[in-house]
Amino acid sequence: MKDMNVPSRLAKLSYLTDDEESHIEVNQEVAKRTGAGKLLVRVCPAHVYSEQADGTIDVEYAACLECGTCLAVAPPGVLKWHYPRSGMGVAYREG
């Protein structure tokens, strides 16, 4: 039987990382003011976001699944998000 757990399926994905341009930018001032870090850490299925003790949000954009969940839940002004440049980002292997 095919392994159906999420971590094993995510491990099958491949990524072409755009080392020149992140497709996610965080407005750290707005993020700290709104406390958005904890929310982004909680909702991101790929664990792209981490929050530092001072409220700064770190982004590991190379792991992004491009699902848009973060953009949908982040308070206004926290994120600038767009799909990676053509040919970059995640490549899905399963439907």
PDB file of N, CA and C in Angstrom:
ATOM      1  N   MET A   1       0.837  -1.190   0.000  1.00  0.00           N
ATOM      2  CA  MET A   1       0.000   0.000   0.000  1.00  0.00           C
ATOM      3  C   MET A   1       0.877   1.247   0.000  1.00  0.00           C
ATOM      4  N   LYS A   2       0.477   2.201  -0.727  1.00  0.00           N
ATOM      5  CA  LYS A   2       1.198   3.453  -0.867  1.00  0.00           C
ATOM      6  C   LYS A   2       1.232   4.200   0.467  1.00  0.00           C
ATOM      7  N   ASP A   3       2.410   4.747   0.816  1.00  0.00           N
ATOM      8  CA  ASP A   3       2.550   5.528   2.046  1.00  0.00           C
ATOM      9  C   ASP A   3       1.803   6.846   1.880  1.00  0.00           C
ATOM     10  N   MET A   4       0.834   7.123   2.750  1.00  0.00           N
ATOM     11  CA  MET A   4      -0.030   8.285   2.587  1.00  0.00           C
ATOM     12  C   MET A   4       0.211   9.379   3.631  1.00  0.00           C
ATOM     13  N   ASN A   5       1.269   9.266   4.474  1.00  0.00           N
ATOM     14  CA  ASN A   5       1.435  10.329   5.461  1.00  0.00           C
ATOM     15  C   ASN A   5       2.060  11.572   4.821  1.00  0.00           C
ATOM     16  N   VAL A   6       1.751  12.705   5.383  1.00  0.00           N
ATOM     17  CA  VAL A   6       2.135  13.986   4.789  1.00  0.00           C
ATOM     18  C   VAL A   6       3.653  14.154   4.688  1.00  0.00           C
ATOM     19  N   PRO A   7       4.424  13.909   5.734  1.00  0.00           N
ATOM     20  CA  PRO A   7       5.871  14.103   5.604  1.00  0.00           C
ATOM     21  C   PRO A   7       6.499  13.262   4.489  1.00  0.00           C
ATOM     22  N   SER A   8       6.055  12.037   4.326  1.00  0.00           N
ATOM     23  CA  SER A   8       6.652  11.204   3.271  1.00  0.00           C
ATOM     24  C   SER A   8       6.258  11.701   1.885  1.00  0.00           C
ATOM     25  N   ARG A   9       5.059  12.229   1.761  1.00  0.00           N
ATOM     26  CA  ARG A   9       4.640  12.778   0.468  1.00  0.00           C
ATOM     27  C   ARG A   9       5.363  14.093   0.170  1.00  0.00           C
ATOM     28  N   LEU A  10       5.552  14.928   1.180  1.00  0.00           N
ATOM     29  CA  LEU A  10       6.282  16.179   0.981  1.00  0.00           C
ATOM     30  C   LEU A  10       7.736  15.918   0.604  1.00  0.00           C
ATOM     31  N   ALA A  11       8.292  14.834   1.111  1.00  0.00           N
ATOM     32  CA  ALA A  11       9.681  14.495   0.799  1.00  0.00           C
ATOM     33  C   ALA A  11       9.887  14.180  -0.680  1.00  0.00           C
ATOM     34  N   LYS A  12       8.821  13.870  -1.399  1.00  0.00           N
ATOM     35  CA  LYS A  12       8.917  13.554  -2.823  1.00  0.00           C
ATOM     36  C   LYS A  12       8.943  14.791  -3.707  1.00  0.00           C
ATOM     37  N   LEU A  13       8.646  15.948  -3.129  1.00  0.00           N
ATOM     38  CA  LEU A  13       8.647  17.184  -3.909  1.00  0.00           C
ATOM     39  C   LEU A  13      10.068  17.587  -4.255  1.00  0.00           C
ATOM     40  N   SER A  14      10.209  18.295  -5.333  1.00  0.00           N
ATOM     41  CA  SER A  14      11.512  18.862  -5.657  1.00  0.00           C
ATOM     42  C   SER A  14      11.354  20.371  -5.792  1.00  0.00           C
ATOM     43  N   TYR A  15      12.436  21.075  -5.554  1.00  0.00           N
ATOM     44  CA  TYR A  15      12.432  22.527  -5.571  1.00  0.00           C
ATOM     45  C   TYR A  15      13.591  23.017  -6.417  1.00  0.00           C
ATOM     46  N   LEU A  16      13.346  24.056  -7.166  1.00  0.00           N
ATOM     47  CA  LEU A  16      14.413  24.773  -7.840  1.00  0.00           C
ATOM     48  C   LEU A  16      14.470  26.131  -7.168  1.00  0.00           C
ATOM     49  N   THR A  17      15.429  26.290  -6.286  1.00  0.00           N
ATOM     50  CA  THR A  17      15.512  27.486  -5.453  1.00  0.00           C
ATOM     51  C   THR A  17      16.031  28.671  -6.254  1.00  0.00           C
ATOM     52  N   ASP A  18      15.344  29.773  -6.119  1.00  0.00           N
ATOM     53  CA  ASP A  18      15.765  31.022  -6.731  1.00  0.00           C
ATOM     54  C   ASP A  18      16.664  31.732  -5.722  1.00  0.00           C
ATOM     55  N   ASP A  19      17.960  31.582  -5.868  1.00  0.00           N
ATOM     56  CA  ASP A  19      18.904  32.165  -4.918  1.00  0.00           C
ATOM     57  C   ASP A  19      19.020  33.681  -5.048  1.00  0.00           C
ATOM     58  N   GLU A  20      18.458  34.240  -6.107  1.00  0.00           N
ATOM     59  CA  GLU A  20      18.566  35.678  -6.339  1.00  0.00           C
ATOM     60  C   GLU A  20      17.370  36.466  -5.817  1.00  0.00           C
ATOM     61  N   GLU A  21      16.220  35.817  -5.673  1.00  0.00           N
ATOM     62  CA  GLU A  21      14.997  36.568  -5.342  1.00  0.00           C
ATOM     63  C   GLU A  21      14.032  35.717  -4.514  1.00  0.00           C
ATOM     64  N   SER A  22      13.734  36.193  -3.316  1.00  0.00           N
ATOM     65  CA  SER A  22      12.715  35.541  -2.498  1.00  0.00           C
ATOM     66  C   SER A  22      11.335  35.986  -2.986  1.00  0.00           C
ATOM     67  N   HIS A  23      10.396  35.078  -2.991  1.00  0.00           N
ATOM     68  CA  HIS A  23       9.030  35.449  -3.381  1.00  0.00           C
ATOM     69  C   HIS A  23       8.181  35.832  -2.172  1.00  0.00           C
ATOM     70  N   ILE A  24       8.797  35.848  -0.999  1.00  0.00           N
ATOM     71  CA  ILE A  24       8.112  36.228   0.242  1.00  0.00           C
ATOM     72  C   ILE A  24       8.928  37.306   0.943  1.00  0.00           C
ATOM     73  N   GLU A  25       8.289  38.425   1.237  1.00  0.00           N
ATOM     74  CA  GLU A  25       8.934  39.490   2.013  1.00  0.00           C
ATOM     75  C   GLU A  25       8.051  39.790   3.217  1.00  0.00           C
ATOM     76  N   VAL A  26       8.694  39.966   4.360  1.00  0.00           N
ATOM     77  CA  VAL A  26       7.975  40.262   5.601  1.00  0.00           C
ATOM     78  C   VAL A  26       8.261  41.700   6.007  1.00  0.00           C
ATOM     79  N   ASN A  27       7.199  42.453   6.260  1.00  0.00           N
ATOM     80  CA  ASN A  27       7.340  43.785   6.843  1.00  0.00           C
ATOM     81  C   ASN A  27       7.479  43.552   8.347  1.00  0.00           C
ATOM     82  N   GLN A  28       8.715  43.567   8.814  1.00  0.00           N
ATOM     83  CA  GLN A  28       8.991  43.201  10.205  1.00  0.00           C
ATOM     84  C   GLN A  28       8.310  44.142  11.196  1.00  0.00           C
ATOM     85  N   GLU A  29       8.222  45.409  10.871  1.00  0.00           N
ATOM     86  CA  GLU A  29       7.579  46.370  11.771  1.00  0.00           C
ATOM     87  C   GLU A  29       6.099  46.021  11.981  1.00  0.00           C
ATOM     88  N   VAL A  30       5.395  45.773  10.890  1.00  0.00           N
ATOM     89  CA  VAL A  30       3.972  45.425  10.984  1.00  0.00           C
ATOM     90  C   VAL A  30       3.819  44.055  11.648  1.00  0.00           C
ATOM     91  N   ALA A  31       4.706  43.125  11.326  1.00  0.00           N
ATOM     92  CA  ALA A  31       4.629  41.792  11.921  1.00  0.00           C
ATOM     93  C   ALA A  31       4.774  41.844  13.440  1.00  0.00           C
ATOM     94  N   LYS A  32       5.723  42.638  13.910  1.00  0.00           N
ATOM     95  CA  LYS A  32       5.920  42.763  15.359  1.00  0.00           C
ATOM     96  C   LYS A  32       4.719  43.443  16.015  1.00  0.00           C
ATOM     97  N   ARG A  33       4.214  44.478  15.377  1.00  0.00           N
ATOM     98  CA  ARG A  33       3.085  45.227  15.938  1.00  0.00           C
ATOM     99  C   ARG A  33       1.822  44.372  16.033  1.00  0.00           C
ATOM    100  N   THR A  34       1.625  43.490  15.053  1.00  0.00           N
ATOM    101  CA  THR A  34       0.409  42.673  15.017  1.00  0.00           C
ATOM    102  C   THR A  34       0.578  41.305  15.661  1.00  0.00           C
ATOM    103  N   GLY A  35       1.823  40.926  15.970  1.00  0.00           N
ATOM    104  CA  GLY A  35       2.066  39.598  16.528  1.00  0.00           C
ATOM    105  C   GLY A  35       1.841  38.491  15.509  1.00  0.00           C
ATOM    106  N   ALA A  36       2.075  38.780  14.238  1.00  0.00           N
ATOM    107  CA  ALA A  36       1.776  37.834  13.156  1.00  0.00           C
ATOM    108  C   ALA A  36       2.671  36.600  13.148  1.00  0.00           C
ATOM    109  N   GLY A  37       3.826  36.680  13.763  1.00  0.00           N
ATOM    110  CA  GLY A  37       4.773  35.566  13.711  1.00  0.00           C
ATOM    111  C   GLY A  37       4.197  34.252  14.185  1.00  0.00           C
ATOM    112  N   LYS A  38       3.565  34.256  15.336  1.00  0.00           N
ATOM    113  CA  LYS A  38       2.999  33.022  15.883  1.00  0.00           C
ATOM    114  C   LYS A  38       1.955  32.412  14.950  1.00  0.00           C
ATOM    115  N   LEU A  39       1.150  33.261  14.335  1.00  0.00           N
ATOM    116  CA  LEU A  39       0.124  32.793  13.400  1.00  0.00           C
ATOM    117  C   LEU A  39       0.774  32.154  12.172  1.00  0.00           C
ATOM    118  N   LEU A  40       1.764  32.816  11.591  1.00  0.00           N
ATOM    119  CA  LEU A  40       2.417  32.282  10.400  1.00  0.00           C
ATOM    120  C   LEU A  40       3.118  30.964  10.692  1.00  0.00           C
ATOM    121  N   VAL A  41       3.774  30.881  11.833  1.00  0.00           N
ATOM    122  CA  VAL A  41       4.437  29.629  12.227  1.00  0.00           C
ATOM    123  C   VAL A  41       3.408  28.507  12.355  1.00  0.00           C
ATOM    124  N   ARG A  42       2.265  28.813  12.935  1.00  0.00           N
ATOM    125  CA  ARG A  42       1.225  27.805  13.181  1.00  0.00           C
ATOM    126  C   ARG A  42       0.555  27.309  11.905  1.00  0.00           C
ATOM    127  N   VAL A  43       0.287  28.192  10.943  1.00  0.00           N
ATOM    128  CA  VAL A  43      -0.516  27.791   9.786  1.00  0.00           C
ATOM    129  C   VAL A  43       0.280  27.251   8.606  1.00  0.00           C
ATOM    130  N   CYS A  44       1.557  27.521   8.523  1.00  0.00           N
ATOM    131  CA  CYS A  44       2.327  27.120   7.344  1.00  0.00           C
ATOM    132  C   CYS A  44       2.602  25.613   7.360  1.00  0.00           C
ATOM    133  N   PRO A  45       2.080  24.874   6.374  1.00  0.00           N
ATOM    134  CA  PRO A  45       2.283  23.421   6.360  1.00  0.00           C
ATOM    135  C   PRO A  45       3.724  23.018   6.058  1.00  0.00           C
ATOM    136  N   ALA A  46       4.513  23.912   5.484  1.00  0.00           N
ATOM    137  CA  ALA A  46       5.896  23.583   5.124  1.00  0.00           C
ATOM    138  C   ALA A  46       6.909  24.120   6.144  1.00  0.00           C
ATOM    139  N   HIS A  47       6.429  24.737   7.208  1.00  0.00           N
ATOM    140  CA  HIS A  47       7.300  25.286   8.254  1.00  0.00           C
ATOM    141  C   HIS A  47       8.295  26.296   7.682  1.00  0.00           C
ATOM    142  N   VAL A  48       7.810  27.163   6.804  1.00  0.00           N
ATOM    143  CA  VAL A  48       8.637  28.183   6.170  1.00  0.00           C
ATOM    144  C   VAL A  48       9.001  29.286   7.166  1.00  0.00           C
ATOM    145  N   TYR A  49       8.116  29.565   8.101  1.00  0.00           N
ATOM    146  CA  TYR A  49       8.294  30.691   9.012  1.00  0.00           C
ATOM    147  C   TYR A  49       8.776  30.240  10.387  1.00  0.00           C
ATOM    148  N   SER A  50       9.644  31.061  10.979  1.00  0.00           N
ATOM    149  CA  SER A  50      10.023  30.877  12.381  1.00  0.00           C
ATOM    150  C   SER A  50      10.077  32.265  13.006  1.00  0.00           C
ATOM    151  N   GLU A  51       9.780  32.328  14.285  1.00  0.00           N
ATOM    152  CA  GLU A  51       9.753  33.612  14.983  1.00  0.00           C
ATOM    153  C   GLU A  51      10.863  33.660  16.014  1.00  0.00           C
ATOM    154  N   GLN A  52      11.603  34.748  16.000  1.00  0.00           N
ATOM    155  CA  GLN A  52      12.664  34.965  16.977  1.00  0.00           C
ATOM    156  C   GLN A  52      12.064  35.552  18.248  1.00  0.00           C
ATOM    157  N   ALA A  53      12.831  35.557  19.326  1.00  0.00           N
ATOM    158  CA  ALA A  53      12.358  36.054  20.619  1.00  0.00           C
ATOM    159  C   ALA A  53      11.910  37.514  20.549  1.00  0.00           C
ATOM    160  N   ASP A  54      12.534  38.297  19.650  1.00  0.00           N
ATOM    161  CA  ASP A  54      12.181  39.716  19.552  1.00  0.00           C
ATOM    162  C   ASP A  54      11.007  39.978  18.608  1.00  0.00           C
ATOM    163  N   GLY A  55      10.386  38.910  18.081  1.00  0.00           N
ATOM    164  CA  GLY A  55       9.243  39.049  17.188  1.00  0.00           C
ATOM    165  C   GLY A  55       9.593  39.095  15.713  1.00  0.00           C
ATOM    166  N   THR A  56      10.883  39.085  15.402  1.00  0.00           N
ATOM    167  CA  THR A  56      11.322  39.053  14.013  1.00  0.00           C
ATOM    168  C   THR A  56      10.935  37.707  13.402  1.00  0.00           C
ATOM    169  N   ILE A  57      10.469  37.742  12.159  1.00  0.00           N
ATOM    170  CA  ILE A  57      10.063  36.522  11.461  1.00  0.00           C
ATOM    171  C   ILE A  57      11.112  36.169  10.420  1.00  0.00           C
ATOM    172  N   ASP A  58      11.644  34.964  10.538  1.00  0.00           N
ATOM    173  CA  ASP A  58      12.575  34.444   9.547  1.00  0.00           C
ATOM    174  C   ASP A  58      11.789  33.643   8.522  1.00  0.00           C
ATOM    175  N   VAL A  59      12.254  33.660   7.270  1.00  0.00           N
ATOM    176  CA  VAL A  59      11.561  32.986   6.173  1.00  0.00           C
ATOM    177  C   VAL A  59      12.534  32.069   5.444  1.00  0.00           C
ATOM    178  N   GLU A  60      12.194  30.796   5.358  1.00  0.00           N
ATOM    179  CA  GLU A  60      12.955  29.827   4.570  1.00  0.00           C
ATOM    180  C   GLU A  60      12.156  29.590   3.287  1.00  0.00           C
ATOM    181  N   TYR A  61      12.195  30.577   2.388  1.00  0.00           N
ATOM    182  CA  TYR A  61      11.321  30.568   1.217  1.00  0.00           C
ATOM    183  C   TYR A  61      11.563  29.399   0.275  1.00  0.00           C
ATOM    184  N   ALA A  62      12.730  28.795   0.325  1.00  0.00           N
ATOM    185  CA  ALA A  62      13.022  27.677  -0.572  1.00  0.00           C
ATOM    186  C   ALA A  62      12.136  26.465  -0.293  1.00  0.00           C
ATOM    187  N   ALA A  63      11.590  26.369   0.914  1.00  0.00           N
ATOM    188  CA  ALA A  63      10.738  25.234   1.276  1.00  0.00           C
ATOM    189  C   ALA A  63       9.259  25.483   1.008  1.00  0.00           C
ATOM    190  N   CYS A  64       8.922  26.649   0.498  1.00  0.00           N
ATOM    191  CA  CYS A  64       7.528  27.049   0.319  1.00  0.00           C
ATOM    192  C   CYS A  64       6.782  26.147  -0.656  1.00  0.00           C
ATOM    193  N   LEU A  65       5.577  25.750  -0.273  1.00  0.00           N
ATOM    194  CA  LEU A  65       4.709  24.932  -1.125  1.00  0.00           C
ATOM    195  C   LEU A  65       3.845  25.776  -2.048  1.00  0.00           C
ATOM    196  N   GLU A  66       3.930  27.090  -1.913  1.00  0.00           N
ATOM    197  CA  GLU A  66       3.178  28.035  -2.742  1.00  0.00           C
ATOM    198  C   GLU A  66       1.669  27.859  -2.614  1.00  0.00           C
ATOM    199  N   CYS A  67       1.223  27.482  -1.422  1.00  0.00           N
ATOM    200  CA  CYS A  67      -0.210  27.246  -1.207  1.00  0.00           C
ATOM    201  C   CYS A  67      -0.977  28.534  -0.937  1.00  0.00           C
ATOM    202  N   GLY A  68      -0.292  29.579  -0.459  1.00  0.00           N
ATOM    203  CA  GLY A  68      -0.936  30.851  -0.196  1.00  0.00           C
ATOM    204  C   GLY A  68      -1.618  30.961   1.152  1.00  0.00           C
ATOM    205  N   THR A  69      -1.510  29.952   1.991  1.00  0.00           N
ATOM    206  CA  THR A  69      -2.151  29.989   3.300  1.00  0.00           C
ATOM    207  C   THR A  69      -1.673  31.189   4.109  1.00  0.00           C
ATOM    208  N   CYS A  70      -0.375  31.433   4.098  1.00  0.00           N
ATOM    209  CA  CYS A  70       0.178  32.550   4.872  1.00  0.00           C
ATOM    210  C   CYS A  70      -0.411  33.881   4.416  1.00  0.00           C
ATOM    211  N   LEU A  71      -0.521  34.049   3.130  1.00  0.00           N
ATOM    212  CA  LEU A  71      -1.060  35.291   2.584  1.00  0.00           C
ATOM    213  C   LEU A  71      -2.528  35.470   2.947  1.00  0.00           C
ATOM    214  N   ALA A  72      -3.245  34.367   3.002  1.00  0.00           N
ATOM    215  CA  ALA A  72      -4.676  34.428   3.323  1.00  0.00           C
ATOM    216  C   ALA A  72      -4.935  34.809   4.777  1.00  0.00           C
ATOM    217  N   VAL A  73      -4.041  34.445   5.682  1.00  0.00           N
ATOM    218  CA  VAL A  73      -4.301  34.675   7.108  1.00  0.00           C
ATOM    219  C   VAL A  73      -3.488  35.808   7.727  1.00  0.00           C
ATOM    220  N   ALA A  74      -2.446  36.246   7.069  1.00  0.00           N
ATOM    221  CA  ALA A  74      -1.597  37.295   7.645  1.00  0.00           C
ATOM    222  C   ALA A  74      -2.356  38.619   7.736  1.00  0.00           C
ATOM    223  N   PRO A  75      -2.139  39.359   8.815  1.00  0.00           N
ATOM    224  CA  PRO A  75      -2.747  40.687   8.906  1.00  0.00           C
ATOM    225  C   PRO A  75      -2.290  41.552   7.719  1.00  0.00           C
ATOM    226  N   PRO A  76      -3.119  42.496   7.302  1.00  0.00           N
ATOM    227  CA  PRO A  76      -2.770  43.357   6.171  1.00  0.00           C
ATOM    228  C   PRO A  76      -1.415  44.044   6.371  1.00  0.00           C
ATOM    229  N   GLY A  77      -0.613  44.034   5.314  1.00  0.00           N
ATOM    230  CA  GLY A  77       0.667  44.722   5.328  1.00  0.00           C
ATOM    231  C   GLY A  77       1.832  43.910   5.834  1.00  0.00           C
ATOM    232  N   VAL A  78       1.582  42.711   6.357  1.00  0.00           N
ATOM    233  CA  VAL A  78       2.675  41.899   6.890  1.00  0.00           C
ATOM    234  C   VAL A  78       3.496  41.263   5.773  1.00  0.00           C
ATOM    235  N   LEU A  79       2.832  40.717   4.766  1.00  0.00           N
ATOM    236  CA  LEU A  79       3.534  39.989   3.710  1.00  0.00           C
ATOM    237  C   LEU A  79       3.390  40.626   2.341  1.00  0.00           C
ATOM    238  N   LYS A  80       4.470  40.555   1.579  1.00  0.00           N
ATOM    239  CA  LYS A  80       4.435  40.742   0.135  1.00  0.00           C
ATOM    240  C   LYS A  80       4.760  39.358  -0.405  1.00  0.00           C
ATOM    241  N   TRP A  81       3.848  38.796  -1.183  1.00  0.00           N
ATOM    242  CA  TRP A  81       3.993  37.413  -1.639  1.00  0.00           C
ATOM    243  C   TRP A  81       3.609  37.346  -3.109  1.00  0.00           C
ATOM    244  N   HIS A  82       4.409  36.654  -3.885  1.00  0.00           N
ATOM    245  CA  HIS A  82       4.087  36.385  -5.285  1.00  0.00           C
ATOM    246  C   HIS A  82       4.664  35.020  -5.626  1.00  0.00           C
ATOM    247  N   TYR A  83       4.202  34.436  -6.686  1.00  0.00           N
ATOM    248  CA  TYR A  83       4.765  33.159  -7.099  1.00  0.00           C
ATOM    249  C   TYR A  83       6.215  33.364  -7.523  1.00  0.00           C
ATOM    250  N   PRO A  84       7.056  32.347  -7.341  1.00  0.00           N
ATOM    251  CA  PRO A  84       8.445  32.464  -7.790  1.00  0.00           C
ATOM    252  C   PRO A  84       8.519  32.698  -9.295  1.00  0.00           C
ATOM    253  N   ARG A  85       9.665  33.195  -9.724  1.00  0.00           N
ATOM    254  CA  ARG A  85       9.877  33.415 -11.150  1.00  0.00           C
ATOM    255  C   ARG A  85       9.699  32.109 -11.923  1.00  0.00           C
ATOM    256  N   SER A  86       9.404  32.245 -13.184  1.00  0.00           N
ATOM    257  CA  SER A  86       9.141  31.088 -14.042  1.00  0.00           C
ATOM    258  C   SER A  86      10.241  30.039 -13.939  1.00  0.00           C
ATOM    259  N   GLY A  87       9.816  28.809 -13.743  1.00  0.00           N
ATOM    260  CA  GLY A  87      10.756  27.697 -13.646  1.00  0.00           C
ATOM    261  C   GLY A  87      11.330  27.484 -12.263  1.00  0.00           C
ATOM    262  N   MET A  88      11.031  28.367 -11.328  1.00  0.00           N
ATOM    263  CA  MET A  88      11.553  28.264  -9.963  1.00  0.00           C
ATOM    264  C   MET A  88      10.446  27.789  -9.028  1.00  0.00           C
ATOM    265  N   GLY A  89      10.847  27.382  -7.835  1.00  0.00           N
ATOM    266  CA  GLY A  89       9.881  27.003  -6.815  1.00  0.00           C
ATOM    267  C   GLY A  89       9.667  25.502  -6.745  1.00  0.00           C
ATOM    268  N   VAL A  90       8.502  25.122  -6.273  1.00  0.00           N
ATOM    269  CA  VAL A  90       8.177  23.723  -6.015  1.00  0.00           C
ATOM    270  C   VAL A  90       7.704  23.038  -7.300  1.00  0.00           C
ATOM    271  N   ALA A  91       8.070  21.756  -7.413  1.00  0.00           N
ATOM    272  CA  ALA A  91       7.573  20.920  -8.519  1.00  0.00           C
ATOM    273  C   ALA A  91       6.848  19.751  -7.890  1.00  0.00           C
ATOM    274  N   TYR A  92       5.547  19.672  -8.104  1.00  0.00           N
ATOM    275  CA  TYR A  92       4.749  18.609  -7.515  1.00  0.00           C
ATOM    276  C   TYR A  92       4.876  17.337  -8.334  1.00  0.00           C
ATOM    277  N   ARG A  93       5.000  16.213  -7.648  1.00  0.00           N
ATOM    278  CA  ARG A  93       5.152  14.919  -8.305  1.00  0.00           C
ATOM    279  C   ARG A  93       3.902  14.057  -8.192  1.00  0.00           C
ATOM    280  N   GLU A  94       2.996  14.416  -7.290  1.00  0.00           N
ATOM    281  CA  GLU A  94       1.764  13.658  -7.098  1.00  0.00           C
ATOM    282  C   GLU A  94       0.587  14.619  -7.162  1.00  0.00           C
ATOM    283  N   GLY A  95      -0.576  14.101  -7.498  1.00  0.00           N
ATOM    284  CA  GLY A  95      -1.750  14.955  -7.626  1.00  0.00           C
ATOM    285  C   GLY A  95      -2.504  15.157  -6.424  1.00  0.00           C
TER     286      GLY A  95
END
